[in-house]
Amino acid sequence: MTGGSELLGHLLHDLLVKGIIVAVALVVLAVGMTVIWRMAGRGVSRDRDR
């Protein structure tokens, strides 16, 4: 029985690690998209250009 619970522990650890990787990747993607959006000038009000 310990072999089965050890395998389950490894699978849960693997799922946790992959979930953290995906979460970090999504945060990096969101920050990158925000930076690109602001550099393109779409995140700021157009009134200051007039």
Protein backbone atom coordinates (compact mmCIF):
# COMPACT_ATOMS: atom_id res chain seq x y z
CA MET A 1 0.00 0.00 0.00
CA THR A 2 2.86 2.43 0.57
CA GLY A 3 3.80 2.20 -3.10
CA GLY A 4 0.38 3.48 -4.13
CA SER A 5 0.38 6.39 -1.71
CA GLU A 6 3.95 7.25 -2.72
CA LEU A 7 2.88 7.34 -6.37
CA LEU A 8 -0.10 9.52 -5.45
CA GLY A 9 2.22 11.89 -3.60
CA HIS A 10 4.48 12.17 -6.64
CA LEU A 11 1.51 12.83 -8.92
CA LEU A 12 0.13 15.53 -6.62
CA HIS A 13 3.57 17.15 -6.38
CA ASP A 14 3.87 17.08 -10.18
CA LEU A 15 0.44 18.68 -10.54
CA LEU A 16 1.34 21.39 -8.04
CA VAL A 17 4.63 22.21 -9.79
CA LYS A 18 2.96 22.36 -13.20
CA GLY A 19 0.17 24.55 -11.82
CA ILE A 20 2.71 26.99 -10.38
CA ILE A 21 4.57 27.09 -13.71
CA VAL A 22 1.35 27.88 -15.58
CA ALA A 23 0.35 30.56 -13.05
CA VAL A 24 3.76 32.28 -13.30
CA ALA A 25 3.62 32.10 -17.10
CA LEU A 26 0.19 33.76 -17.09
CA VAL A 27 1.41 36.57 -14.84
CA VAL A 28 4.45 37.14 -17.09
CA LEU A 29 2.18 37.14 -20.14
CA ALA A 30 -0.19 39.67 -18.56
CA VAL A 31 2.68 41.99 -17.58
CA GLY A 32 4.21 41.71 -21.05
CA MET A 33 0.91 42.48 -22.74
CA THR A 34 0.39 45.49 -20.46
CA VAL A 35 3.85 46.85 -21.26
CA ILE A 36 3.33 46.40 -24.99
CA TRP A 37 -0.15 47.99 -24.77
CA ARG A 38 1.24 51.06 -22.99
CA MET A 39 4.21 51.36 -25.37
CA ALA A 40 1.78 51.33 -28.28
CA GLY A 41 0.07 54.31 -26.66
CA ARG A 42 -3.30 52.69 -26.15
CA GLY A 43 -3.21 52.64 -22.37
CA VAL A 44 -2.95 56.40 -21.96
CA SER A 45 -5.54 59.06 -22.60
CA ARG A 46 -5.31 60.71 -26.01
CA ASP A 47 -6.22 64.13 -24.57
CA ARG A 48 -2.66 64.93 -23.58
CA ASP A 49 -1.52 64.76 -27.23
CA ARG A 50 -3.70 67.73 -28.19
